[in-house]
Amino acid sequence: PICTYDVRAYPTLLFINPDGVMMHEKVGAAQKAQDYINMGQTALNPNECLASYTKKYGEGERDPFFIRTYLARLSDAYLPLNDVMGKYFASLKQEDMLNRTTWNIIYNYVDDMNSKEFGYLVSHEKEYEKISTRDSVENKISDVYLQSLVQLSRNANMTDANYDALKQKIRASGFSGADKVIFTSDLNLYYTRGDKQKYLDLAYNGLDKYYPNDYSMLNRISWNVLQLCSVYELGEAKKYLDKALSWVKRSITAKSDPSNNDVCAQILYKLGKKQEAIDHERTAIALAKQQKAPFKEYEASLKRMLEPEQVKH
């Protein structure tokens, strides 16, 4: 008989015994050969494969370390987690919520801002910082709130009223990073909607406050500002371009790479600072070649920047 399996995504790797029983499952393409070897070794291990964990769970195994690994196996296979997580959290005493194993489960698998467990995390933010780090706790809470806002903004039934209500709920939670989350979400919303002026003004007034040293964010927003300003005359755009130039130069100071040097070059060129633009574009090309990354677009930009200079000579 032909055996069928519940494949929910591609690629899915199924490890099946001679009797047609699925012993282990992993969704997603591994990046290295060793990853596939490790996967095969797990599948062949009667104590570590997904089928073994499912059997043990069914028999009543509830040790926290076992639950953590079982959740990882289920997550790797894109299988539902909520039932296992819900029963695990329901079995915990209050003091057991504040230990590293529980934190690891919350960090990796709790993503519903309306869940009891996430609410506990937010209300005990400082305690979890002592278990882990301030950055990891803040990033986890921020990611869940931001994803909730982004999901709502992509919903066809979203209105300004329910979007504002969700923002108010996040502010009312007492989370220390609420304003930063809302700033980031609003930026994404304005950019998606094409609200150019709102985007430019929000970035101009808030990026230095919320992302003063994030080299990637500084570079990305600088590029977006450059693109949005392309419809304006230089006089109207100069205020925003000057600010974007300061951001991308700060990005370069933090970590110079081909992308931020290219963005810097294009902003400088737009502002009429051609020689400085040429210097940064050459740096972008050199760094790309050094990193064996694509550089043809940078060369095309450099050629465009050089042409006026060649006419003069």
C-alpha atoms as a PDB file:
ATOM      1  CA  PRO A   1       0.000   0.000   0.000  1.00  0.00           C
ATOM      2  CA  ILE A   2       1.058   3.576  -0.620  1.00  0.00           C
ATOM      3  CA  CYS A   3       1.766   5.447   2.608  1.00  0.00           C
ATOM      4  CA  THR A   4       0.811   9.121   2.790  1.00  0.00           C
ATOM      5  CA  TYR A   5       2.182  11.720   5.175  1.00  0.00           C
ATOM      6  CA  ASP A   6       0.900  15.104   6.235  1.00  0.00           C
ATOM      7  CA  VAL A   7       3.397  17.336   4.455  1.00  0.00           C
ATOM      8  CA  ARG A   8       2.604  20.975   5.270  1.00  0.00           C
ATOM      9  CA  ALA A   9       5.572  22.817   3.740  1.00  0.00           C
ATOM     10  CA  TYR A  10       8.433  22.349   1.324  1.00  0.00           C
ATOM     11  CA  PRO A  11      11.063  21.112   1.633  1.00  0.00           C
ATOM     12  CA  THR A  12      10.102  18.522   4.250  1.00  0.00           C
ATOM     13  CA  LEU A  13      12.468  15.679   5.117  1.00  0.00           C
ATOM     14  CA  LEU A  14      10.780  12.512   6.394  1.00  0.00           C
ATOM     15  CA  PHE A  15      12.693   9.681   8.029  1.00  0.00           C
ATOM     16  CA  ILE A  16      10.609   6.507   7.690  1.00  0.00           C
ATOM     17  CA  ASN A  17      11.325   3.029   9.044  1.00  0.00           C
ATOM     18  CA  PRO A  18      10.872  -0.163   6.975  1.00  0.00           C
ATOM     19  CA  ASP A  19       7.302  -0.486   8.251  1.00  0.00           C
ATOM     20  CA  GLY A  20       6.382   2.892   6.814  1.00  0.00           C
ATOM     21  CA  VAL A  21       6.267   4.613  10.214  1.00  0.00           C
ATOM     22  CA  MET A  22       7.520   8.194  10.254  1.00  0.00           C
ATOM     23  CA  MET A  23      10.249   8.352  12.905  1.00  0.00           C
ATOM     24  CA  HIS A  24      11.496  11.894  12.437  1.00  0.00           C
ATOM     25  CA  GLU A  25      10.617  15.004  10.472  1.00  0.00           C
ATOM     26  CA  LYS A  26      12.334  18.271   9.648  1.00  0.00           C
ATOM     27  CA  VAL A  27      10.953  21.152   7.615  1.00  0.00           C
ATOM     28  CA  GLY A  28      13.327  23.491   5.807  1.00  0.00           C
ATOM     29  CA  ALA A  29      16.531  23.157   3.817  1.00  0.00           C
ATOM     30  CA  ALA A  30      19.722  22.695   5.802  1.00  0.00           C
ATOM     31  CA  GLN A  31      22.648  24.891   4.803  1.00  0.00           C
ATOM     32  CA  LYS A  32      25.556  22.508   5.420  1.00  0.00           C
ATOM     33  CA  ALA A  33      26.224  18.820   4.790  1.00  0.00           C
ATOM     34  CA  GLN A  34      26.895  18.345   8.511  1.00  0.00           C
ATOM     35  CA  ASP A  35      23.354  19.544   9.237  1.00  0.00           C
ATOM     36  CA  TYR A  36      21.962  16.629   7.232  1.00  0.00           C
ATOM     37  CA  ILE A  37      24.316  14.197   8.974  1.00  0.00           C
ATOM     38  CA  ASN A  38      23.210  15.465  12.394  1.00  0.00           C
ATOM     39  CA  MET A  39      19.583  15.210  11.301  1.00  0.00           C
ATOM     40  CA  GLY A  40      20.085  11.593  10.208  1.00  0.00           C
ATOM     41  CA  GLN A  41      21.820  10.706  13.462  1.00  0.00           C
ATOM     42  CA  THR A  42      18.896  12.151  15.444  1.00  0.00           C
ATOM     43  CA  ALA A  43      16.412  10.226  13.305  1.00  0.00           C
ATOM     44  CA  LEU A  44      18.314   6.954  13.866  1.00  0.00           C
ATOM     45  CA  ASN A  45      18.599   7.464  17.613  1.00  0.00           C
ATOM     46  CA  PRO A  46      15.637   5.668  19.265  1.00  0.00           C
ATOM     47  CA  ASN A  47      15.797   8.073  22.206  1.00  0.00           C
ATOM     48  CA  GLU A  48      16.106  11.332  20.276  1.00  0.00           C
ATOM     49  CA  CYS A  49      13.836  11.081  17.215  1.00  0.00           C
ATOM     50  CA  LEU A  50      10.495  12.870  17.100  1.00  0.00           C
ATOM     51  CA  ALA A  51       8.512   9.610  17.300  1.00  0.00           C
ATOM     52  CA  SER A  52      10.299   8.713  20.535  1.00  0.00           C
ATOM     53  CA  TYR A  53       9.512  12.086  22.120  1.00  0.00           C
ATOM     54  CA  THR A  54       5.882  11.866  21.051  1.00  0.00           C
ATOM     55  CA  LYS A  55       5.609   8.375  22.579  1.00  0.00           C
ATOM     56  CA  LYS A  56       7.230   9.458  25.856  1.00  0.00           C
ATOM     57  CA  TYR A  57       4.989  12.526  26.059  1.00  0.00           C
ATOM     58  CA  GLY A  58       1.942  10.328  25.560  1.00  0.00           C
ATOM     59  CA  GLU A  59       3.147   8.124  28.404  1.00  0.00           C
ATOM     60  CA  GLY A  60       3.249  11.122  30.755  1.00  0.00           C
ATOM     61  CA  GLU A  61       6.823  12.424  30.602  1.00  0.00           C
ATOM     62  CA  ARG A  62       6.783  16.079  31.712  1.00  0.00           C
ATOM     63  CA  ASP A  63      10.344  16.893  32.821  1.00  0.00           C
ATOM     64  CA  PRO A  64      11.084  20.542  31.867  1.00  0.00           C
ATOM     65  CA  PHE A  65      14.195  19.644  29.874  1.00  0.00           C
ATOM     66  CA  PHE A  66      12.246  16.953  28.047  1.00  0.00           C
ATOM     67  CA  ILE A  67       9.453  19.439  27.235  1.00  0.00           C
ATOM     68  CA  ARG A  68      11.965  21.972  25.930  1.00  0.00           C
ATOM     69  CA  THR A  69      13.490  19.421  23.545  1.00  0.00           C
ATOM     70  CA  TYR A  70      10.084  18.059  22.523  1.00  0.00           C
ATOM     71  CA  LEU A  71       8.953  21.566  21.603  1.00  0.00           C
ATOM     72  CA  ALA A  72      12.105  21.957  19.508  1.00  0.00           C
ATOM     73  CA  ARG A  73      11.330  18.689  17.688  1.00  0.00           C
ATOM     74  CA  LEU A  74       7.733  19.785  17.051  1.00  0.00           C
ATOM     75  CA  SER A  75       8.842  23.236  15.902  1.00  0.00           C
ATOM     76  CA  ASP A  76      11.386  21.738  13.488  1.00  0.00           C
ATOM     77  CA  ALA A  77       8.556  19.693  11.962  1.00  0.00           C
ATOM     78  CA  TYR A  78       6.123  22.639  11.846  1.00  0.00           C
ATOM     79  CA  LEU A  79       3.769  20.750  14.142  1.00  0.00           C
ATOM     80  CA  PRO A  80       1.401  22.507  16.592  1.00  0.00           C
ATOM     81  CA  LEU A  81       2.963  23.568  19.899  1.00  0.00           C
ATOM     82  CA  ASN A  82       0.124  25.217  21.777  1.00  0.00           C
ATOM     83  CA  ASP A  83      -1.331  22.103  23.384  1.00  0.00           C
ATOM     84  CA  VAL A  84       2.033  20.936  24.757  1.00  0.00           C
ATOM     85  CA  MET A  85       2.986  24.437  25.884  1.00  0.00           C
ATOM     86  CA  GLY A  86      -0.391  25.117  27.461  1.00  0.00           C
ATOM     87  CA  LYS A  87      -0.318  21.950  29.532  1.00  0.00           C
ATOM     88  CA  TYR A  88       3.294  22.573  30.536  1.00  0.00           C
ATOM     89  CA  PHE A  89       2.654  26.107  31.757  1.00  0.00           C
ATOM     90  CA  ALA A  90      -0.544  25.031  33.512  1.00  0.00           C
ATOM     91  CA  SER A  91       1.449  22.469  35.511  1.00  0.00           C
ATOM     92  CA  LEU A  92       4.032  24.967  36.771  1.00  0.00           C
ATOM     93  CA  LYS A  93       4.130  26.479  40.214  1.00  0.00           C
ATOM     94  CA  GLN A  94       4.539  30.252  40.332  1.00  0.00           C
ATOM     95  CA  GLU A  95       8.232  30.042  41.254  1.00  0.00           C
ATOM     96  CA  ASP A  96       8.905  27.706  38.322  1.00  0.00           C
ATOM     97  CA  MET A  97       7.927  30.427  35.873  1.00  0.00           C
ATOM     98  CA  LEU A  98      11.097  32.306  36.756  1.00  0.00           C
ATOM     99  CA  ASN A  99      13.802  29.817  35.816  1.00  0.00           C
ATOM    100  CA  ARG A 100      16.042  29.480  32.778  1.00  0.00           C
ATOM    101  CA  THR A 101      14.267  26.486  31.250  1.00  0.00           C
ATOM    102  CA  THR A 102      10.906  28.249  31.304  1.00  0.00           C
ATOM    103  CA  TRP A 103      12.527  31.411  29.952  1.00  0.00           C
ATOM    104  CA  ASN A 104      14.018  29.416  27.059  1.00  0.00           C
ATOM    105  CA  ILE A 105      10.586  28.011  26.210  1.00  0.00           C
ATOM    106  CA  ILE A 106       8.994  31.469  26.373  1.00  0.00           C
ATOM    107  CA  TYR A 107      11.794  33.003  24.308  1.00  0.00           C
ATOM    108  CA  ASN A 108      11.650  30.403  21.552  1.00  0.00           C
ATOM    109  CA  TYR A 109       7.969  29.557  21.302  1.00  0.00           C
ATOM    110  CA  VAL A 110       5.597  32.072  22.942  1.00  0.00           C
ATOM    111  CA  ASP A 111       4.462  34.502  20.230  1.00  0.00           C
ATOM    112  CA  ASP A 112       0.870  35.419  21.148  1.00  0.00           C
ATOM    113  CA  MET A 113       0.717  38.800  22.862  1.00  0.00           C
ATOM    114  CA  ASN A 114      -2.670  37.866  24.348  1.00  0.00           C
ATOM    115  CA  SER A 115      -1.445  34.661  25.978  1.00  0.00           C
ATOM    116  CA  LYS A 116      -1.188  34.342  29.739  1.00  0.00           C
ATOM    117  CA  GLU A 117       2.501  33.403  29.455  1.00  0.00           C
ATOM    118  CA  PHE A 118       3.398  36.475  27.416  1.00  0.00           C
ATOM    119  CA  GLY A 119       1.509  38.669  29.864  1.00  0.00           C
ATOM    120  CA  TYR A 120       3.529  37.100  32.678  1.00  0.00           C
ATOM    121  CA  LEU A 121       6.758  37.856  30.804  1.00  0.00           C
ATOM    122  CA  VAL A 122       5.832  41.516  30.345  1.00  0.00           C
ATOM    123  CA  SER A 123       4.798  41.967  33.973  1.00  0.00           C
ATOM    124  CA  HIS A 124       8.025  40.299  35.162  1.00  0.00           C
ATOM    125  CA  GLU A 125      10.360  41.928  32.652  1.00  0.00           C
ATOM    126  CA  LYS A 126      12.980  42.883  35.266  1.00  0.00           C
ATOM    127  CA  GLU A 127      13.037  39.422  36.836  1.00  0.00           C
ATOM    128  CA  TYR A 128      13.625  37.761  33.463  1.00  0.00           C
ATOM    129  CA  GLU A 129      16.457  40.195  32.755  1.00  0.00           C
ATOM    130  CA  LYS A 130      18.272  38.691  35.768  1.00  0.00           C
ATOM    131  CA  ILE A 131      17.775  35.188  34.340  1.00  0.00           C
ATOM    132  CA  SER A 132      18.903  36.163  30.839  1.00  0.00           C
ATOM    133  CA  THR A 133      19.950  39.630  29.641  1.00  0.00           C
ATOM    134  CA  ARG A 134      18.172  42.941  29.272  1.00  0.00           C
ATOM    135  CA  ASP A 135      18.605  42.928  25.486  1.00  0.00           C
ATOM    136  CA  SER A 136      17.217  39.416  24.997  1.00  0.00           C
ATOM    137  CA  VAL A 137      14.134  40.083  27.141  1.00  0.00           C
ATOM    138  CA  GLU A 138      13.478  43.458  25.525  1.00  0.00           C
ATOM    139  CA  ASN A 139      13.974  42.041  22.035  1.00  0.00           C
ATOM    140  CA  LYS A 140      11.597  39.143  22.717  1.00  0.00           C
ATOM    141  CA  ILE A 141       8.798  41.389  23.956  1.00  0.00           C
ATOM    142  CA  SER A 142       9.412  43.878  21.158  1.00  0.00           C
ATOM    143  CA  ASP A 143       9.292  41.162  18.499  1.00  0.00           C
ATOM    144  CA  VAL A 144       5.948  39.809  19.721  1.00  0.00           C
ATOM    145  CA  TYR A 145       4.344  43.257  19.943  1.00  0.00           C
ATOM    146  CA  LEU A 146       5.755  44.355  16.597  1.00  0.00           C
ATOM    147  CA  GLN A 147       4.595  41.183  14.871  1.00  0.00           C
ATOM    148  CA  SER A 148       1.094  41.734  16.277  1.00  0.00           C
ATOM    149  CA  LEU A 149       1.013  45.262  14.863  1.00  0.00           C
ATOM    150  CA  VAL A 150       2.399  44.170  11.497  1.00  0.00           C
ATOM    151  CA  GLN A 151      -0.120  41.326  11.215  1.00  0.00           C
ATOM    152  CA  LEU A 152      -2.965  43.728  11.947  1.00  0.00           C
ATOM    153  CA  SER A 153      -1.664  46.267   9.420  1.00  0.00           C
ATOM    154  CA  ARG A 154      -1.698  43.557   6.740  1.00  0.00           C
ATOM    155  CA  ASN A 155      -5.258  42.518   7.571  1.00  0.00           C
ATOM    156  CA  ALA A 156      -7.795  43.672   5.005  1.00  0.00           C
ATOM    157  CA  ASN A 157     -10.170  44.547   7.858  1.00  0.00           C
ATOM    158  CA  MET A 158      -7.727  46.826   9.635  1.00  0.00           C
ATOM    159  CA  THR A 159      -8.943  50.329  10.448  1.00  0.00           C
ATOM    160  CA  ASP A 160      -7.088  53.256  11.957  1.00  0.00           C
ATOM    161  CA  ALA A 161      -9.282  52.811  15.025  1.00  0.00           C
ATOM    162  CA  ASN A 162      -8.358  49.191  15.748  1.00  0.00           C
ATOM    163  CA  TYR A 163      -4.719  49.857  14.890  1.00  0.00           C
ATOM    164  CA  ASP A 164      -4.673  52.756  17.381  1.00  0.00           C
ATOM    165  CA  ALA A 165      -6.439  50.573  19.959  1.00  0.00           C
ATOM    166  CA  LEU A 166      -3.722  47.936  19.685  1.00  0.00           C
ATOM    167  CA  LYS A 167      -1.030  50.591  20.062  1.00  0.00           C
ATOM    168  CA  GLN A 168      -2.779  51.877  23.175  1.00  0.00           C
ATOM    169  CA  LYS A 169      -2.925  48.347  24.584  1.00  0.00           C
ATOM    170  CA  ILE A 170       0.825  47.977  24.086  1.00  0.00           C
ATOM    171  CA  ARG A 171       1.503  51.330  25.749  1.00  0.00           C
ATOM    172  CA  ALA A 172      -0.739  50.363  28.665  1.00  0.00           C
ATOM    173  CA  SER A 173       1.188  47.110  29.205  1.00  0.00           C
ATOM    174  CA  GLY A 174       3.973  48.982  30.974  1.00  0.00           C
ATOM    175  CA  PHE A 175       6.621  47.574  28.620  1.00  0.00           C
ATOM    176  CA  SER A 176       9.668  49.849  28.663  1.00  0.00           C
ATOM    177  CA  GLY A 177      10.181  49.570  24.893  1.00  0.00           C
ATOM    178  CA  ALA A 178       6.580  50.253  23.848  1.00  0.00           C
ATOM    179  CA  ASP A 179       7.268  53.599  22.170  1.00  0.00           C
ATOM    180  CA  LYS A 180      10.097  52.112  20.108  1.00  0.00           C
ATOM    181  CA  VAL A 181       7.863  49.246  18.944  1.00  0.00           C
ATOM    182  CA  ILE A 182       5.128  51.677  17.916  1.00  0.00           C
ATOM    183  CA  PHE A 183       7.620  53.947  16.134  1.00  0.00           C
ATOM    184  CA  THR A 184       8.927  50.965  14.136  1.00  0.00           C
ATOM    185  CA  SER A 185       5.449  49.732  13.275  1.00  0.00           C
ATOM    186  CA  ASP A 186       4.274  53.185  12.180  1.00  0.00           C
ATOM    187  CA  LEU A 187       7.323  53.540   9.941  1.00  0.00           C
ATOM    188  CA  ASN A 188       6.528  50.207   8.287  1.00  0.00           C
ATOM    189  CA  LEU A 189       2.858  51.143   7.894  1.00  0.00           C
ATOM    190  CA  TYR A 190       3.539  54.557   6.338  1.00  0.00           C
ATOM    191  CA  TYR A 191       6.092  53.067   3.940  1.00  0.00           C
ATOM    192  CA  THR A 192       3.713  50.289   2.875  1.00  0.00           C
ATOM    193  CA  ARG A 193       0.855  52.737   2.403  1.00  0.00           C
ATOM    194  CA  GLY A 194       3.023  55.160   0.461  1.00  0.00           C
ATOM    195  CA  ASP A 195       2.459  57.981   2.993  1.00  0.00           C
ATOM    196  CA  LYS A 196       5.705  59.695   2.014  1.00  0.00           C
ATOM    197  CA  GLN A 197       5.441  62.818   4.119  1.00  0.00           C
ATOM    198  CA  LYS A 198       4.357  60.967   7.259  1.00  0.00           C
ATOM    199  CA  TYR A 199       7.229  58.518   6.810  1.00  0.00           C
ATOM    200  CA  LEU A 200       9.817  61.234   6.268  1.00  0.00           C
ATOM    201  CA  ASP A 201       8.678  63.306   9.236  1.00  0.00           C
ATOM    202  CA  LEU A 202       8.450  60.308  11.580  1.00  0.00           C
ATOM    203  CA  ALA A 203      11.906  59.055  10.609  1.00  0.00           C
ATOM    204  CA  TYR A 204      13.380  62.564  10.842  1.00  0.00           C
ATOM    205  CA  ASN A 205      12.046  63.058  14.370  1.00  0.00           C
ATOM    206  CA  GLY A 206      12.427  59.560  15.798  1.00  0.00           C
ATOM    207  CA  LEU A 207      15.247  57.509  14.310  1.00  0.00           C
ATOM    208  CA  ASP A 208      18.007  59.168  16.335  1.00  0.00           C
ATOM    209  CA  LYS A 209      16.046  58.476  19.518  1.00  0.00           C
ATOM    210  CA  TYR A 210      15.122  54.864  18.932  1.00  0.00           C
ATOM    211  CA  TYR A 211      17.921  53.510  16.711  1.00  0.00           C
ATOM    212  CA  PRO A 212      20.937  55.741  17.365  1.00  0.00           C
ATOM    213  CA  ASN A 213      23.562  53.011  16.824  1.00  0.00           C
ATOM    214  CA  ASP A 214      21.800  50.274  14.839  1.00  0.00           C
ATOM    215  CA  TYR A 215      23.935  50.196  11.711  1.00  0.00           C
ATOM    216  CA  SER A 216      21.469  48.107   9.701  1.00  0.00           C
ATOM    217  CA  MET A 217      18.406  50.200  10.584  1.00  0.00           C
ATOM    218  CA  LEU A 218      20.285  53.458   9.997  1.00  0.00           C
ATOM    219  CA  ASN A 219      21.296  52.252   6.550  1.00  0.00           C
ATOM    220  CA  ARG A 220      17.854  50.913   5.613  1.00  0.00           C
ATOM    221  CA  ILE A 221      15.979  54.056   6.626  1.00  0.00           C
ATOM    222  CA  SER A 222      18.558  56.244   4.875  1.00  0.00           C
ATOM    223  CA  TRP A 223      17.936  54.306   1.663  1.00  0.00           C
ATOM    224  CA  ASN A 224      14.170  54.597   2.069  1.00  0.00           C
ATOM    225  CA  VAL A 225      14.450  58.353   2.597  1.00  0.00           C
ATOM    226  CA  LEU A 226      16.577  58.661  -0.543  1.00  0.00           C
ATOM    227  CA  GLN A 227      13.967  56.768  -2.557  1.00  0.00           C
ATOM    228  CA  LEU A 228      11.044  58.761  -1.177  1.00  0.00           C
ATOM    229  CA  CYS A 229      12.836  62.048  -1.783  1.00  0.00           C
ATOM    230  CA  SER A 230      13.353  61.222  -5.464  1.00  0.00           C
ATOM    231  CA  VAL A 231       9.959  62.790  -6.239  1.00  0.00           C
ATOM    232  CA  TYR A 232      10.923  66.092  -4.604  1.00  0.00           C
ATOM    233  CA  GLU A 233      13.053  68.953  -5.811  1.00  0.00           C
ATOM    234  CA  LEU A 234      16.380  69.162  -3.979  1.00  0.00           C
ATOM    235  CA  GLY A 235      15.283  72.205  -2.003  1.00  0.00           C
ATOM    236  CA  GLU A 236      12.301  70.357  -0.538  1.00  0.00           C
ATOM    237  CA  ALA A 237      14.273  67.184   0.088  1.00  0.00           C
ATOM    238  CA  LYS A 238      17.524  68.632   1.458  1.00  0.00           C
ATOM    239  CA  LYS A 239      16.381  68.639   5.089  1.00  0.00           C
ATOM    240  CA  TYR A 240      15.637  64.903   4.954  1.00  0.00           C
ATOM    241  CA  LEU A 241      18.650  64.006   2.815  1.00  0.00           C
ATOM    242  CA  ASP A 242      21.018  65.816   5.181  1.00  0.00           C
ATOM    243  CA  LYS A 243      19.565  63.835   8.066  1.00  0.00           C
ATOM    244  CA  ALA A 244      19.784  60.573   6.100  1.00  0.00           C
ATOM    245  CA  LEU A 245      23.412  61.358   5.319  1.00  0.00           C
ATOM    246  CA  SER A 246      24.164  61.695   9.021  1.00  0.00           C
ATOM    247  CA  TRP A 247      22.456  58.340   9.656  1.00  0.00           C
ATOM    248  CA  VAL A 248      24.282  56.410   6.966  1.00  0.00           C
ATOM    249  CA  LYS A 249      27.644  57.888   7.977  1.00  0.00           C
ATOM    250  CA  ARG A 250      26.940  56.699  11.519  1.00  0.00           C
ATOM    251  CA  SER A 251      26.108  53.290  10.048  1.00  0.00           C
ATOM    252  CA  ILE A 252      29.461  53.232   8.267  1.00  0.00           C
ATOM    253  CA  THR A 253      31.260  54.182  11.467  1.00  0.00           C
ATOM    254  CA  ALA A 254      29.590  51.279  13.264  1.00  0.00           C
ATOM    255  CA  LYS A 255      30.260  48.766  10.471  1.00  0.00           C
ATOM    256  CA  SER A 256      31.435  49.726   7.020  1.00  0.00           C
ATOM    257  CA  ASP A 257      30.017  47.451   4.328  1.00  0.00           C
ATOM    258  CA  PRO A 258      29.241  47.653   0.593  1.00  0.00           C
ATOM    259  CA  SER A 259      25.582  48.543   1.129  1.00  0.00           C
ATOM    260  CA  ASN A 260      25.941  51.515   3.446  1.00  0.00           C
ATOM    261  CA  ASN A 261      28.825  52.939   1.442  1.00  0.00           C
ATOM    262  CA  ASP A 262      26.687  52.723  -1.690  1.00  0.00           C
ATOM    263  CA  VAL A 263      23.737  54.415   0.039  1.00  0.00           C
ATOM    264  CA  CYS A 264      26.057  57.107   1.355  1.00  0.00           C
ATOM    265  CA  ALA A 265      27.470  57.640  -2.140  1.00  0.00           C
ATOM    266  CA  GLN A 266      24.033  58.031  -3.686  1.00  0.00           C
ATOM    267  CA  ILE A 267      22.849  60.499  -1.050  1.00  0.00           C
ATOM    268  CA  LEU A 268      26.038  62.531  -1.443  1.00  0.00           C
ATOM    269  CA  TYR A 269      25.587  62.538  -5.207  1.00  0.00           C
ATOM    270  CA  LYS A 270      21.989  63.717  -4.841  1.00  0.00           C
ATOM    271  CA  LEU A 271      23.254  66.545  -2.619  1.00  0.00           C
ATOM    272  CA  GLY A 272      25.837  67.568  -5.217  1.00  0.00           C
ATOM    273  CA  LYS A 273      28.881  66.308  -3.289  1.00  0.00           C
ATOM    274  CA  LYS A 274      30.226  64.348  -6.226  1.00  0.00           C
ATOM    275  CA  GLN A 275      33.817  63.653  -5.274  1.00  0.00           C
ATOM    276  CA  GLU A 276      32.876  62.372  -1.843  1.00  0.00           C
ATOM    277  CA  ALA A 277      30.159  60.291  -3.490  1.00  0.00           C
ATOM    278  CA  ILE A 278      32.684  58.784  -5.896  1.00  0.00           C
ATOM    279  CA  ASP A 279      35.026  57.927  -3.022  1.00  0.00           C
ATOM    280  CA  HIS A 280      32.294  56.045  -1.133  1.00  0.00           C
ATOM    281  CA  GLU A 281      31.129  54.209  -4.261  1.00  0.00           C
ATOM    282  CA  ARG A 282      34.681  53.047  -4.874  1.00  0.00           C
ATOM    283  CA  THR A 283      34.817  51.853  -1.271  1.00  0.00           C
ATOM    284  CA  ALA A 284      31.552  49.961  -1.799  1.00  0.00           C
ATOM    285  CA  ILE A 285      33.023  48.218  -4.848  1.00  0.00           C
ATOM    286  CA  ALA A 286      36.276  47.363  -3.071  1.00  0.00           C
ATOM    287  CA  LEU A 287      34.462  45.922  -0.055  1.00  0.00           C
ATOM    288  CA  ALA A 288      32.098  43.906  -2.263  1.00  0.00           C
ATOM    289  CA  LYS A 289      35.017  42.411  -4.183  1.00  0.00           C
ATOM    290  CA  GLN A 290      36.804  41.650  -0.927  1.00  0.00           C
ATOM    291  CA  GLN A 291      33.698  39.865   0.374  1.00  0.00           C
ATOM    292  CA  LYS A 292      33.069  38.169  -3.002  1.00  0.00           C
ATOM    293  CA  ALA A 293      29.664  39.833  -3.131  1.00  0.00           C
ATOM    294  CA  PRO A 294      27.856  41.251  -6.229  1.00  0.00           C
ATOM    295  CA  PHE A 295      29.221  44.656  -7.269  1.00  0.00           C
ATOM    296  CA  LYS A 296      27.951  45.320 -10.817  1.00  0.00           C
ATOM    297  CA  GLU A 297      25.264  47.752  -9.612  1.00  0.00           C
ATOM    298  CA  TYR A 298      27.877  49.688  -7.666  1.00  0.00           C
ATOM    299  CA  GLU A 299      30.052  49.895 -10.772  1.00  0.00           C
ATOM    300  CA  ALA A 300      27.087  51.189 -12.770  1.00  0.00           C
ATOM    301  CA  SER A 301      26.472  53.880 -10.143  1.00  0.00           C
ATOM    302  CA  LEU A 302      30.137  54.847 -10.167  1.00  0.00           C
ATOM    303  CA  LYS A 303      30.099  55.154 -13.957  1.00  0.00           C
ATOM    304  CA  ARG A 304      27.088  57.459 -13.752  1.00  0.00           C
ATOM    305  CA  MET A 305      28.829  59.598 -11.139  1.00  0.00           C
ATOM    306  CA  LEU A 306      32.045  59.819 -13.150  1.00  0.00           C
ATOM    307  CA  GLU A 307      30.495  60.860 -16.462  1.00  0.00           C
ATOM    308  CA  PRO A 308      29.928  64.540 -15.543  1.00  0.00           C
ATOM    309  CA  GLU A 309      33.467  64.689 -14.206  1.00  0.00           C
ATOM    310  CA  GLN A 310      34.849  63.353 -17.492  1.00  0.00           C
ATOM    311  CA  VAL A 311      32.953  65.997 -19.472  1.00  0.00           C
ATOM    312  CA  LYS A 312      34.699  68.729 -17.511  1.00  0.00           C
ATOM    313  CA  HIS A 313      38.085  67.402 -18.584  1.00  0.00           C
END
